[in-house]
PDB file of N, CA and C in Angstrom:
ATOM      1  N   MET A   1       8.262 -47.028 -41.881  1.00  0.00           N
ATOM      2  CA  MET A   1       6.970 -46.687 -41.324  1.00  0.00           C
ATOM      3  C   MET A   1       7.019 -45.265 -40.790  1.00  0.00           C
ATOM      4  N   ARG A   2       6.005 -44.475 -41.084  1.00  0.00           N
ATOM      5  CA  ARG A   2       5.927 -43.085 -40.652  1.00  0.00           C
ATOM      6  C   ARG A   2       5.294 -42.992 -39.272  1.00  0.00           C
ATOM      7  N   THR A   3       5.797 -42.050 -38.487  1.00  0.00           N
ATOM      8  CA  THR A   3       5.193 -41.812 -37.166  1.00  0.00           C
ATOM      9  C   THR A   3       4.002 -40.886 -37.356  1.00  0.00           C
ATOM     10  N   PRO A   4       3.084 -40.854 -36.404  1.00  0.00           N
ATOM     11  CA  PRO A   4       1.884 -40.026 -36.548  1.00  0.00           C
ATOM     12  C   PRO A   4       2.173 -38.541 -36.704  1.00  0.00           C
ATOM     13  N   THR A   5       3.332 -38.071 -36.242  1.00  0.00           N
ATOM     14  CA  THR A   5       3.614 -36.635 -36.321  1.00  0.00           C
ATOM     15  C   THR A   5       4.357 -36.252 -37.594  1.00  0.00           C
ATOM     16  N   GLU A   6       4.865 -37.186 -38.338  1.00  0.00           N
ATOM     17  CA  GLU A   6       5.598 -36.864 -39.552  1.00  0.00           C
ATOM     18  C   GLU A   6       4.659 -36.292 -40.600  1.00  0.00           C
ATOM     19  N   GLY A   7       5.114 -35.274 -41.275  1.00  0.00           N
ATOM     20  CA  GLY A   7       4.345 -34.704 -42.356  1.00  0.00           C
ATOM     21  C   GLY A   7       3.300 -33.694 -41.950  1.00  0.00           C
ATOM     22  N   ARG A   8       3.045 -33.513 -40.680  1.00  0.00           N
ATOM     23  CA  ARG A   8       2.054 -32.523 -40.273  1.00  0.00           C
ATOM     24  C   ARG A   8       2.768 -31.340 -39.635  1.00  0.00           C
ATOM     25  N   PRO A   9       2.182 -30.138 -39.723  1.00  0.00           N
ATOM     26  CA  PRO A   9       2.816 -28.983 -39.089  1.00  0.00           C
ATOM     27  C   PRO A   9       2.814 -29.147 -37.570  1.00  0.00           C
ATOM     28  N   LEU A  10       3.836 -28.612 -36.943  1.00  0.00           N
ATOM     29  CA  LEU A  10       3.925 -28.692 -35.481  1.00  0.00           C
ATOM     30  C   LEU A  10       2.979 -27.690 -34.839  1.00  0.00           C
ATOM     31  N   ALA A  11       2.398 -28.090 -33.728  1.00  0.00           N
ATOM     32  CA  ALA A  11       1.555 -27.186 -32.955  1.00  0.00           C
ATOM     33  C   ALA A  11       2.445 -26.136 -32.303  1.00  0.00           C
ATOM     34  N   ARG A  12       1.855 -25.024 -31.899  1.00  0.00           N
ATOM     35  CA  ARG A  12       2.615 -23.912 -31.319  1.00  0.00           C
ATOM     36  C   ARG A  12       3.511 -24.375 -30.174  1.00  0.00           C
ATOM     37  N   HIS A  13       2.980 -25.167 -29.258  1.00  0.00           N
ATOM     38  CA  HIS A  13       3.766 -25.601 -28.103  1.00  0.00           C
ATOM     39  C   HIS A  13       4.861 -26.579 -28.496  1.00  0.00           C
ATOM     40  N   GLU A  14       4.760 -27.213 -29.648  1.00  0.00           N
ATOM     41  CA  GLU A  14       5.779 -28.146 -30.096  1.00  0.00           C
ATOM     42  C   GLU A  14       6.929 -27.428 -30.809  1.00  0.00           C
ATOM     43  N   ARG A  15       6.725 -26.212 -31.248  1.00  0.00           N
ATOM     44  CA  ARG A  15       7.732 -25.470 -32.000  1.00  0.00           C
ATOM     45  C   ARG A  15       8.864 -24.944 -31.123  1.00  0.00           C
ATOM     46  N   ARG A  16       8.611 -24.758 -29.865  1.00  0.00           N
ATOM     47  CA  ARG A  16       9.628 -24.193 -28.981  1.00  0.00           C
ATOM     48  C   ARG A  16      10.764 -25.184 -28.772  1.00  0.00           C
ATOM     49  N   SER A  17      11.964 -24.650 -28.766  1.00  0.00           N
ATOM     50  CA  SER A  17      13.110 -25.500 -28.476  1.00  0.00           C
ATOM     51  C   SER A  17      13.322 -25.531 -26.971  1.00  0.00           C
ATOM     52  N   ARG A  18      14.053 -26.525 -26.537  1.00  0.00           N
ATOM     53  CA  ARG A  18      14.330 -26.629 -25.096  1.00  0.00           C
ATOM     54  C   ARG A  18      15.133 -25.419 -24.630  1.00  0.00           C
ATOM     55  N   GLY A  19      14.826 -24.916 -23.433  1.00  0.00           N
ATOM     56  CA  GLY A  19      15.563 -23.802 -22.871  1.00  0.00           C
ATOM     57  C   GLY A  19      15.021 -22.436 -23.279  1.00  0.00           C
ATOM     58  N   ARG A  20      14.243 -22.366 -24.305  1.00  0.00           N
ATOM     59  CA  ARG A  20      13.675 -21.083 -24.738  1.00  0.00           C
ATOM     60  C   ARG A  20      12.343 -20.874 -24.028  1.00  0.00           C
ATOM     61  N   ARG A  21      12.201 -19.739 -23.412  1.00  0.00           N
ATOM     62  CA  ARG A  21      10.977 -19.428 -22.671  1.00  0.00           C
ATOM     63  C   ARG A  21      10.128 -18.465 -23.491  1.00  0.00           C
ATOM     64  N   PRO A  22       8.833 -18.601 -23.407  1.00  0.00           N
ATOM     65  CA  PRO A  22       7.968 -17.643 -24.104  1.00  0.00           C
ATOM     66  C   PRO A  22       8.085 -16.264 -23.451  1.00  0.00           C
ATOM     67  N   PRO A  23       7.821 -15.203 -24.194  1.00  0.00           N
ATOM     68  CA  PRO A  23       7.954 -13.840 -23.662  1.00  0.00           C
ATOM     69  C   PRO A  23       7.144 -13.600 -22.392  1.00  0.00           C
ATOM     70  N   THR A  24       5.987 -14.219 -22.270  1.00  0.00           N
ATOM     71  CA  THR A  24       5.175 -13.984 -21.068  1.00  0.00           C
ATOM     72  C   THR A  24       5.859 -14.521 -19.826  1.00  0.00           C
ATOM     73  N   THR A  25       6.600 -15.604 -19.949  1.00  0.00           N
ATOM     74  CA  THR A  25       7.319 -16.146 -18.793  1.00  0.00           C
ATOM     75  C   THR A  25       8.400 -15.180 -18.352  1.00  0.00           C
ATOM     76  N   TRP A  26       9.144 -14.613 -19.314  1.00  0.00           N
ATOM     77  CA  TRP A  26      10.183 -13.644 -18.979  1.00  0.00           C
ATOM     78  C   TRP A  26       9.583 -12.388 -18.370  1.00  0.00           C
ATOM     79  N   LEU A  27       8.483 -11.954 -18.922  1.00  0.00           N
ATOM     80  CA  LEU A  27       7.823 -10.756 -18.391  1.00  0.00           C
ATOM     81  C   LEU A  27       7.378 -10.984 -16.950  1.00  0.00           C
ATOM     82  N   LEU A  28       6.823 -12.139 -16.677  1.00  0.00           N
ATOM     83  CA  LEU A  28       6.397 -12.463 -15.314  1.00  0.00           C
ATOM     84  C   LEU A  28       7.596 -12.503 -14.368  1.00  0.00           C
ATOM     85  N   ALA A  29       8.687 -13.109 -14.803  1.00  0.00           N
ATOM     86  CA  ALA A  29       9.878 -13.198 -13.959  1.00  0.00           C
ATOM     87  C   ALA A  29      10.439 -11.813 -13.642  1.00  0.00           C
ATOM     88  N   VAL A  30      10.521 -10.955 -14.642  1.00  0.00           N
ATOM     89  CA  VAL A  30      11.041  -9.602 -14.440  1.00  0.00           C
ATOM     90  C   VAL A  30      10.121  -8.815 -13.508  1.00  0.00           C
ATOM     91  N   THR A  31       8.824  -8.954 -13.687  1.00  0.00           N
ATOM     92  CA  THR A  31       7.857  -8.256 -12.833  1.00  0.00           C
ATOM     93  C   THR A  31       8.008  -8.677 -11.377  1.00  0.00           C
ATOM     94  N   LEU A  32       8.160  -9.977 -11.142  1.00  0.00           N
ATOM     95  CA  LEU A  32       8.313 -10.464  -9.771  1.00  0.00           C
ATOM     96  C   LEU A  32       9.607  -9.964  -9.137  1.00  0.00           C
ATOM     97  N   VAL A  33      10.674  -9.925  -9.896  1.00  0.00           N
ATOM     98  CA  VAL A  33      11.949  -9.434  -9.369  1.00  0.00           C
ATOM     99  C   VAL A  33      11.842  -7.956  -9.020  1.00  0.00           C
ATOM    100  N   LEU A  34      11.271  -7.168  -9.916  1.00  0.00           N
ATOM    101  CA  LEU A  34      11.151  -5.731  -9.666  1.00  0.00           C
ATOM    102  C   LEU A  34      10.202  -5.439  -8.516  1.00  0.00           C
ATOM    103  N   ALA A  35       9.150  -6.217  -8.393  1.00  0.00           N
ATOM    104  CA  ALA A  35       8.206  -5.999  -7.300  1.00  0.00           C
ATOM    105  C   ALA A  35       8.878  -6.250  -5.960  1.00  0.00           C
ATOM    106  N   GLY A  36       9.789  -7.201  -5.902  1.00  0.00           N
ATOM    107  CA  GLY A  36      10.500  -7.500  -4.667  1.00  0.00           C
ATOM    108  C   GLY A  36      11.489  -6.420  -4.281  1.00  0.00           C
ATOM    109  N   CYS A  37      11.932  -5.634  -5.227  1.00  0.00           N
ATOM    110  CA  CYS A  37      12.936  -4.603  -4.962  1.00  0.00           C
ATOM    111  C   CYS A  37      12.341  -3.365  -4.315  1.00  0.00           C
ATOM    112  N   GLY A  38      11.042  -3.177  -4.384  1.00  0.00           N
ATOM    113  CA  GLY A  38      10.444  -1.953  -3.885  1.00  0.00           C
ATOM    114  C   GLY A  38       9.809  -2.070  -2.518  1.00  0.00           C
ATOM    115  N   GLY A  39      10.085  -3.137  -1.797  1.00  0.00           N
ATOM    116  CA  GLY A  39       9.461  -3.344  -0.493  1.00  0.00           C
ATOM    117  C   GLY A  39      10.071  -2.461   0.580  1.00  0.00           C
ATOM    118  N   PRO A  40       9.473  -2.471   1.752  1.00  0.00           N
ATOM    119  CA  PRO A  40       9.978  -1.663   2.867  1.00  0.00           C
ATOM    120  C   PRO A  40      11.380  -2.102   3.286  1.00  0.00           C
ATOM    121  N   SER A  41      12.155  -1.152   3.743  1.00  0.00           N
ATOM    122  CA  SER A  41      13.509  -1.441   4.210  1.00  0.00           C
ATOM    123  C   SER A  41      13.465  -1.950   5.653  1.00  0.00           C
ATOM    124  N   GLU A  42      14.604  -2.430   6.102  1.00  0.00           N
ATOM    125  CA  GLU A  42      14.728  -2.880   7.495  1.00  0.00           C
ATOM    126  C   GLU A  42      14.393  -1.739   8.452  1.00  0.00           C
ATOM    127  N   ARG A  43      14.861  -0.550   8.125  1.00  0.00           N
ATOM    128  CA  ARG A  43      14.595   0.646   8.931  1.00  0.00           C
ATOM    129  C   ARG A  43      13.092   0.908   9.033  1.00  0.00           C
ATOM    130  N   GLU A  44      12.392   0.792   7.903  1.00  0.00           N
ATOM    131  CA  GLU A  44      10.949   1.039   7.902  1.00  0.00           C
ATOM    132  C   GLU A  44      10.200  -0.021   8.702  1.00  0.00           C
ATOM    133  N   TYR A  45      10.668  -1.280   8.626  1.00  0.00           N
ATOM    134  CA  TYR A  45      10.051  -2.332   9.439  1.00  0.00           C
ATOM    135  C   TYR A  45      10.220  -2.042  10.932  1.00  0.00           C
ATOM    136  N   LYS A  46      11.410  -1.597  11.315  1.00  0.00           N
ATOM    137  CA  LYS A  46      11.657  -1.297  12.734  1.00  0.00           C
ATOM    138  C   LYS A  46      10.823  -0.109  13.203  1.00  0.00           C
ATOM    139  N   ASN A  47      10.681   0.892  12.348  1.00  0.00           N
ATOM    140  CA  ASN A  47       9.834   2.034  12.709  1.00  0.00           C
ATOM    141  C   ASN A  47       8.384   1.597  12.848  1.00  0.00           C
ATOM    142  N   ARG A  48       7.950   0.698  11.990  1.00  0.00           N
ATOM    143  CA  ARG A  48       6.578   0.165  12.089  1.00  0.00           C
ATOM    144  C   ARG A  48       6.402  -0.572  13.418  1.00  0.00           C
ATOM    145  N   ARG A  49       7.407  -1.340  13.810  1.00  0.00           N
ATOM    146  CA  ARG A  49       7.312  -2.064  15.089  1.00  0.00           C
ATOM    147  C   ARG A  49       7.200  -1.097  16.255  1.00  0.00           C
ATOM    148  N   GLU A  50       7.906   0.033  16.172  1.00  0.00           N
ATOM    149  CA  GLU A  50       7.809   1.030  17.252  1.00  0.00           C
ATOM    150  C   GLU A  50       6.405   1.625  17.321  1.00  0.00           C
ATOM    151  N   LEU A  51       5.818   1.877  16.159  1.00  0.00           N
ATOM    152  CA  LEU A  51       4.439   2.378  16.138  1.00  0.00           C
ATOM    153  C   LEU A  51       3.497   1.338  16.726  1.00  0.00           C
ATOM    154  N   GLU A  52       3.689   0.072  16.357  1.00  0.00           N
ATOM    155  CA  GLU A  52       2.839  -1.004  16.893  1.00  0.00           C
ATOM    156  C   GLU A  52       2.985  -1.114  18.414  1.00  0.00           C
ATOM    157  N   ALA A  53       4.219  -0.997  18.891  1.00  0.00           N
ATOM    158  CA  ALA A  53       4.450  -1.068  20.347  1.00  0.00           C
ATOM    159  C   ALA A  53       3.777   0.105  21.055  1.00  0.00           C
ATOM    160  N   LEU A  54       3.904   1.285  20.467  1.00  0.00           N
ATOM    161  CA  LEU A  54       3.260   2.472  21.028  1.00  0.00           C
ATOM    162  C   LEU A  54       1.740   2.289  21.056  1.00  0.00           C
ATOM    163  N   LEU A  55       1.196   1.803  19.978  1.00  0.00           N
ATOM    164  CA  LEU A  55      -0.246   1.588  19.887  1.00  0.00           C
ATOM    165  C   LEU A  55      -0.714   0.555  20.916  1.00  0.00           C
ATOM    166  N   THR A  56       0.072  -0.477  21.109  1.00  0.00           N
ATOM    167  CA  THR A  56      -0.278  -1.506  22.104  1.00  0.00           C
ATOM    168  C   THR A  56      -0.292  -0.904  23.511  1.00  0.00           C
ATOM    169  N   ALA A  57       0.729  -0.136  23.836  1.00  0.00           N
ATOM    170  CA  ALA A  57       0.789   0.491  25.166  1.00  0.00           C
ATOM    171  C   ALA A  57      -0.394   1.430  25.375  1.00  0.00           C
ATOM    172  N   ILE A  58      -0.761   2.163  24.328  1.00  0.00           N
ATOM    173  CA  ILE A  58      -1.896   3.087  24.431  1.00  0.00           C
ATOM    174  C   ILE A  58      -3.196   2.313  24.601  1.00  0.00           C
ATOM    175  N   THR A  59      -3.367   1.275  23.792  1.00  0.00           N
ATOM    176  CA  THR A  59      -4.597   0.480  23.855  1.00  0.00           C
ATOM    177  C   THR A  59      -4.771  -0.157  25.231  1.00  0.00           C
ATOM    178  N   LEU A  60      -3.665  -0.652  25.803  1.00  0.00           N
ATOM    179  CA  LEU A  60      -3.721  -1.282  27.127  1.00  0.00           C
ATOM    180  C   LEU A  60      -3.638  -0.273  28.271  1.00  0.00           C
ATOM    181  N   ARG A  61      -3.399   0.989  27.896  1.00  0.00           N
ATOM    182  CA  ARG A  61      -3.219   2.061  28.882  1.00  0.00           C
ATOM    183  C   ARG A  61      -2.139   1.691  29.900  1.00  0.00           C
ATOM    184  N   ASN A  62      -1.033   1.204  29.349  1.00  0.00           N
ATOM    185  CA  ASN A  62       0.089   0.734  30.152  1.00  0.00           C
ATOM    186  C   ASN A  62       1.170   1.818  30.169  1.00  0.00           C
ATOM    187  N   LYS A  63       1.196   2.599  31.231  1.00  0.00           N
ATOM    188  CA  LYS A  63       2.106   3.732  31.353  1.00  0.00           C
ATOM    189  C   LYS A  63       3.573   3.293  31.341  1.00  0.00           C
ATOM    190  N   LYS A  64       3.870   2.169  31.981  1.00  0.00           N
ATOM    191  CA  LYS A  64       5.246   1.675  32.044  1.00  0.00           C
ATOM    192  C   LYS A  64       5.763   1.342  30.638  1.00  0.00           C
ATOM    193  N   GLU A  65       4.985   0.614  29.863  1.00  0.00           N
ATOM    194  CA  GLU A  65       5.384   0.277  28.492  1.00  0.00           C
ATOM    195  C   GLU A  65       5.408   1.520  27.609  1.00  0.00           C
ATOM    196  N   LEU A  66       4.483   2.422  27.855  1.00  0.00           N
ATOM    197  CA  LEU A  66       4.439   3.670  27.090  1.00  0.00           C
ATOM    198  C   LEU A  66       5.740   4.453  27.268  1.00  0.00           C
ATOM    199  N   ASP A  67       6.221   4.531  28.507  1.00  0.00           N
ATOM    200  CA  ASP A  67       7.473   5.244  28.764  1.00  0.00           C
ATOM    201  C   ASP A  67       8.647   4.595  28.031  1.00  0.00           C
ATOM    202  N   LYS A  68       8.687   3.267  28.004  1.00  0.00           N
ATOM    203  CA  LYS A  68       9.750   2.551  27.278  1.00  0.00           C
ATOM    204  C   LYS A  68       9.663   2.836  25.776  1.00  0.00           C
ATOM    205  N   ASP A  69       8.438   2.820  25.254  1.00  0.00           N
ATOM    206  CA  ASP A  69       8.233   3.067  23.825  1.00  0.00           C
ATOM    207  C   ASP A  69       8.649   4.488  23.445  1.00  0.00           C
ATOM    208  N   ILE A  70       8.291   5.442  24.291  1.00  0.00           N
ATOM    209  CA  ILE A  70       8.662   6.840  24.035  1.00  0.00           C
ATOM    210  C   ILE A  70      10.184   6.971  23.984  1.00  0.00           C
ATOM    211  N   GLN A  71      10.866   6.320  24.913  1.00  0.00           N
ATOM    212  CA  GLN A  71      12.335   6.378  24.935  1.00  0.00           C
ATOM    213  C   GLN A  71      12.933   5.760  23.670  1.00  0.00           C
ATOM    214  N   ARG A  72      12.412   4.615  23.239  1.00  0.00           N
ATOM    215  CA  ARG A  72      12.926   3.972  22.012  1.00  0.00           C
ATOM    216  C   ARG A  72      12.679   4.847  20.794  1.00  0.00           C
ATOM    217  N   ILE A  73      11.529   5.497  20.737  1.00  0.00           N
ATOM    218  CA  ILE A  73      11.218   6.394  19.613  1.00  0.00           C
ATOM    219  C   ILE A  73      12.195   7.572  19.610  1.00  0.00           C
ATOM    220  N   GLN A  74      12.462   8.140  20.786  1.00  0.00           N
ATOM    221  CA  GLN A  74      13.413   9.248  20.877  1.00  0.00           C
ATOM    222  C   GLN A  74      14.815   8.807  20.465  1.00  0.00           C
ATOM    223  N   ASP A  75      15.206   7.609  20.875  1.00  0.00           N
ATOM    224  CA  ASP A  75      16.526   7.069  20.517  1.00  0.00           C
ATOM    225  C   ASP A  75      16.644   6.851  19.005  1.00  0.00           C
ATOM    226  N   ARG A  76      15.583   6.320  18.397  1.00  0.00           N
ATOM    227  CA  ARG A  76      15.607   6.090  16.951  1.00  0.00           C
ATOM    228  C   ARG A  76      15.694   7.421  16.204  1.00  0.00           C
ATOM    229  N   HIS A  77      15.010   8.425  16.696  1.00  0.00           N
ATOM    230  CA  HIS A  77      15.072   9.741  16.059  1.00  0.00           C
ATOM    231  C   HIS A  77      16.469  10.345  16.219  1.00  0.00           C
ATOM    232  N   ALA A  78      17.020  10.256  17.414  1.00  0.00           N
ATOM    233  CA  ALA A  78      18.353  10.819  17.673  1.00  0.00           C
ATOM    234  C   ALA A  78      19.429  10.137  16.818  1.00  0.00           C
ATOM    235  N   SER A  79      19.254   8.846  16.550  1.00  0.00           N
ATOM    236  CA  SER A  79      20.251   8.112  15.755  1.00  0.00           C
ATOM    237  C   SER A  79      20.031   8.263  14.244  1.00  0.00           C
ATOM    238  N   GLY A  80      18.947   8.948  13.867  1.00  0.00           N
ATOM    239  CA  GLY A  80      18.675   9.154  12.447  1.00  0.00           C
ATOM    240  C   GLY A  80      17.861   8.050  11.798  1.00  0.00           C
ATOM    241  N   GLU A  81      17.449   7.073  12.572  1.00  0.00           N
ATOM    242  CA  GLU A  81      16.648   5.966  12.038  1.00  0.00           C
ATOM    243  C   GLU A  81      15.188   6.362  11.823  1.00  0.00           C
ATOM    244  N   LEU A  82      14.757   7.413  12.475  1.00  0.00           N
ATOM    245  CA  LEU A  82      13.390   7.910  12.360  1.00  0.00           C
ATOM    246  C   LEU A  82      13.454   9.349  11.867  1.00  0.00           C
ATOM    247  N   SER A  83      12.803   9.615  10.753  1.00  0.00           N
ATOM    248  CA  SER A  83      12.858  10.955  10.156  1.00  0.00           C
ATOM    249  C   SER A  83      12.165  11.984  11.048  1.00  0.00           C
ATOM    250  N   ASP A  84      12.484  13.249  10.803  1.00  0.00           N
ATOM    251  CA  ASP A  84      11.860  14.336  11.566  1.00  0.00           C
ATOM    252  C   ASP A  84      10.350  14.336  11.373  1.00  0.00           C
ATOM    253  N   GLU A  85       9.901  14.105  10.149  1.00  0.00           N
ATOM    254  CA  GLU A  85       8.463  14.107   9.855  1.00  0.00           C
ATOM    255  C   GLU A  85       7.739  12.995  10.618  1.00  0.00           C
ATOM    256  N   SER A  86       8.303  11.796  10.583  1.00  0.00           N
ATOM    257  CA  SER A  86       7.674  10.674  11.289  1.00  0.00           C
ATOM    258  C   SER A  86       7.730  10.875  12.799  1.00  0.00           C
ATOM    259  N   TYR A  87       8.842  11.435  13.283  1.00  0.00           N
ATOM    260  CA  TYR A  87       8.974  11.721  14.709  1.00  0.00           C
ATOM    261  C   TYR A  87       7.899  12.710  15.145  1.00  0.00           C
ATOM    262  N   LYS A  88       7.655  13.714  14.319  1.00  0.00           N
ATOM    263  CA  LYS A  88       6.626  14.709  14.627  1.00  0.00           C
ATOM    264  C   LYS A  88       5.246  14.042  14.710  1.00  0.00           C
ATOM    265  N   ASP A  89       4.964  13.143  13.770  1.00  0.00           N
ATOM    266  CA  ASP A  89       3.678  12.417  13.790  1.00  0.00           C
ATOM    267  C   ASP A  89       3.523  11.622  15.084  1.00  0.00           C
ATOM    268  N   LEU A  90       4.580  10.930  15.472  1.00  0.00           N
ATOM    269  CA  LEU A  90       4.519  10.128  16.697  1.00  0.00           C
ATOM    270  C   LEU A  90       4.443  11.013  17.943  1.00  0.00           C
ATOM    271  N   GLN A  91       5.121  12.154  17.910  1.00  0.00           N
ATOM    272  CA  GLN A  91       5.083  13.075  19.049  1.00  0.00           C
ATOM    273  C   GLN A  91       3.671  13.624  19.276  1.00  0.00           C
ATOM    274  N   GLU A  92       2.936  13.853  18.207  1.00  0.00           N
ATOM    275  CA  GLU A  92       1.548  14.317  18.368  1.00  0.00           C
ATOM    276  C   GLU A  92       0.729  13.291  19.133  1.00  0.00           C
ATOM    277  N   ILE A  93       0.929  12.030  18.806  1.00  0.00           N
ATOM    278  CA  ILE A  93       0.220  10.944  19.498  1.00  0.00           C
ATOM    279  C   ILE A  93       0.652  10.892  20.955  1.00  0.00           C
ATOM    280  N   ILE A  94       1.946  10.981  21.175  1.00  0.00           N
ATOM    281  CA  ILE A  94       2.490  10.915  22.539  1.00  0.00           C
ATOM    282  C   ILE A  94       1.972  12.073  23.394  1.00  0.00           C
ATOM    283  N   LYS A  95       1.916  13.267  22.826  1.00  0.00           N
ATOM    284  CA  LYS A  95       1.412  14.426  23.575  1.00  0.00           C
ATOM    285  C   LYS A  95      -0.048  14.232  23.982  1.00  0.00           C
ATOM    286  N   LYS A  96      -0.833  13.639  23.079  1.00  0.00           N
ATOM    287  CA  LYS A  96      -2.243  13.386  23.419  1.00  0.00           C
ATOM    288  C   LYS A  96      -2.357  12.448  24.601  1.00  0.00           C
ATOM    289  N   VAL A  97      -1.609  11.363  24.543  1.00  0.00           N
ATOM    290  CA  VAL A  97      -1.720  10.371  25.614  1.00  0.00           C
ATOM    291  C   VAL A  97      -1.148  10.927  26.927  1.00  0.00           C
ATOM    292  N   GLN A  98      -0.095  11.717  26.845  1.00  0.00           N
ATOM    293  CA  GLN A  98       0.455  12.316  28.055  1.00  0.00           C
ATOM    294  C   GLN A  98      -0.505  13.353  28.647  1.00  0.00           C
ATOM    295  N   GLY A  99      -1.342  13.923  27.808  1.00  0.00           N
ATOM    296  CA  GLY A  99      -2.368  14.856  28.281  1.00  0.00           C
ATOM    297  C   GLY A  99      -3.621  14.148  28.788  1.00  0.00           C
ATOM    298  N   GLY A 100      -3.606  12.816  28.763  1.00  0.00           N
ATOM    299  CA  GLY A 100      -4.735  12.041  29.273  1.00  0.00           C
ATOM    300  C   GLY A 100      -5.762  11.651  28.227  1.00  0.00           C
ATOM    301  N   ASN A 101      -5.538  12.020  26.989  1.00  0.00           N
ATOM    302  CA  ASN A 101      -6.485  11.694  25.915  1.00  0.00           C
ATOM    303  C   ASN A 101      -6.092  10.360  25.272  1.00  0.00           C
ATOM    304  N   TRP A 102      -6.284   9.275  26.021  1.00  0.00           N
ATOM    305  CA  TRP A 102      -5.902   7.951  25.548  1.00  0.00           C
ATOM    306  C   TRP A 102      -6.694   7.556  24.303  1.00  0.00           C
ATOM    307  N   GLY A 103      -7.978   7.832  24.311  1.00  0.00           N
ATOM    308  CA  GLY A 103      -8.830   7.474  23.173  1.00  0.00           C
ATOM    309  C   GLY A 103      -8.440   8.222  21.902  1.00  0.00           C
ATOM    310  N   GLY A 104      -8.183   9.519  22.042  1.00  0.00           N
ATOM    311  CA  GLY A 104      -7.768  10.320  20.891  1.00  0.00           C
ATOM    312  C   GLY A 104      -6.416   9.877  20.350  1.00  0.00           C
ATOM    313  N   ALA A 105      -5.514   9.540  21.274  1.00  0.00           N
ATOM    314  CA  ALA A 105      -4.189   9.069  20.868  1.00  0.00           C
ATOM    315  C   ALA A 105      -4.294   7.732  20.139  1.00  0.00           C
ATOM    316  N   GLN A 106      -5.153   6.871  20.652  1.00  0.00           N
ATOM    317  CA  GLN A 106      -5.345   5.565  20.019  1.00  0.00           C
ATOM    318  C   GLN A 106      -5.900   5.732  18.603  1.00  0.00           C
ATOM    319  N   LYS A 107      -6.899   6.588  18.467  1.00  0.00           N
ATOM    320  CA  LYS A 107      -7.495   6.836  17.163  1.00  0.00           C
ATOM    321  C   LYS A 107      -6.461   7.391  16.187  1.00  0.00           C
ATOM    322  N   GLN A 108      -5.676   8.347  16.638  1.00  0.00           N
ATOM    323  CA  GLN A 108      -4.665   8.966  15.782  1.00  0.00           C
ATOM    324  C   GLN A 108      -3.578   7.953  15.401  1.00  0.00           C
ATOM    325  N   ALA A 109      -3.223   7.071  16.323  1.00  0.00           N
ATOM    326  CA  ALA A 109      -2.213   6.041  16.023  1.00  0.00           C
ATOM    327  C   ALA A 109      -2.738   5.063  14.973  1.00  0.00           C
ATOM    328  N   TYR A 110      -3.997   4.668  15.087  1.00  0.00           N
ATOM    329  CA  TYR A 110      -4.589   3.793  14.072  1.00  0.00           C
ATOM    330  C   TYR A 110      -4.624   4.487  12.712  1.00  0.00           C
ATOM    331  N   GLU A 111      -4.961   5.753  12.702  1.00  0.00           N
ATOM    332  CA  GLU A 111      -5.006   6.510  11.442  1.00  0.00           C
ATOM    333  C   GLU A 111      -3.621   6.612  10.813  1.00  0.00           C
ATOM    334  N   LEU A 112      -2.607   6.835  11.650  1.00  0.00           N
ATOM    335  CA  LEU A 112      -1.238   6.898  11.143  1.00  0.00           C
ATOM    336  C   LEU A 112      -0.832   5.546  10.553  1.00  0.00           C
ATOM    337  N   ARG A 113      -1.179   4.491  11.253  1.00  0.00           N
ATOM    338  CA  ARG A 113      -0.836   3.143  10.762  1.00  0.00           C
ATOM    339  C   ARG A 113      -1.482   2.854   9.430  1.00  0.00           C
ATOM    340  N   GLU A 114      -2.713   3.314   9.237  1.00  0.00           N
ATOM    341  CA  GLU A 114      -3.408   3.108   7.968  1.00  0.00           C
ATOM    342  C   GLU A 114      -2.846   3.975   6.854  1.00  0.00           C
ATOM    343  N   SER A 115      -2.521   5.215   7.172  1.00  0.00           N
ATOM    344  CA  SER A 115      -2.059   6.127   6.131  1.00  0.00           C
ATOM    345  C   SER A 115      -0.596   5.909   5.756  1.00  0.00           C
ATOM    346  N   LYS A 116       0.200   5.453   6.696  1.00  0.00           N
ATOM    347  CA  LYS A 116       1.628   5.211   6.443  1.00  0.00           C
ATOM    348  C   LYS A 116       2.004   3.850   7.028  1.00  0.00           C
ATOM    349  N   PRO A 117       1.727   2.777   6.298  1.00  0.00           N
ATOM    350  CA  PRO A 117       2.058   1.445   6.861  1.00  0.00           C
ATOM    351  C   PRO A 117       3.539   1.308   7.219  1.00  0.00           C
ATOM    352  N   PHE A 118       4.403   1.882   6.391  1.00  0.00           N
ATOM    353  CA  PHE A 118       5.852   1.860   6.660  1.00  0.00           C
ATOM    354  C   PHE A 118       6.359   3.276   6.427  1.00  0.00           C
ATOM    355  N   PHE A 119       7.210   3.739   7.317  1.00  0.00           N
ATOM    356  CA  PHE A 119       7.706   5.101   7.203  1.00  0.00           C
ATOM    357  C   PHE A 119       9.152   5.168   7.656  1.00  0.00           C
ATOM    358  N   LYS A 120       9.809   6.242   7.207  1.00  0.00           N
ATOM    359  CA  LYS A 120      11.236   6.420   7.536  1.00  0.00           C
ATOM    360  C   LYS A 120      11.407   7.238   8.779  1.00  0.00           C
TER     361      LYS A 120
END
């Protein structure tokens, strides 16, 4: 007795052997792996946290926290964890707030966060 599939051509999905993946599956896997390799580094995440802490202190107008944040930013720059360019950007914000321009500093910090979500 013949089975219903005997004698007829196999459909595309039936032709694949076990363990063989279609090219689109491999392409998707490679894309996902490569996309994961280009994310922010630990250093960039920590620098982002410092910007967030600075922004929080400015928003709350908390001088005590602001002083702590400024010290941590200076320490990160001195240790090489924060680049000269990023340090300069943060120093501009700090100078504004130290000059009493809390609103301007807050605006500039938000703009920096938008333009450089993660920085070295």
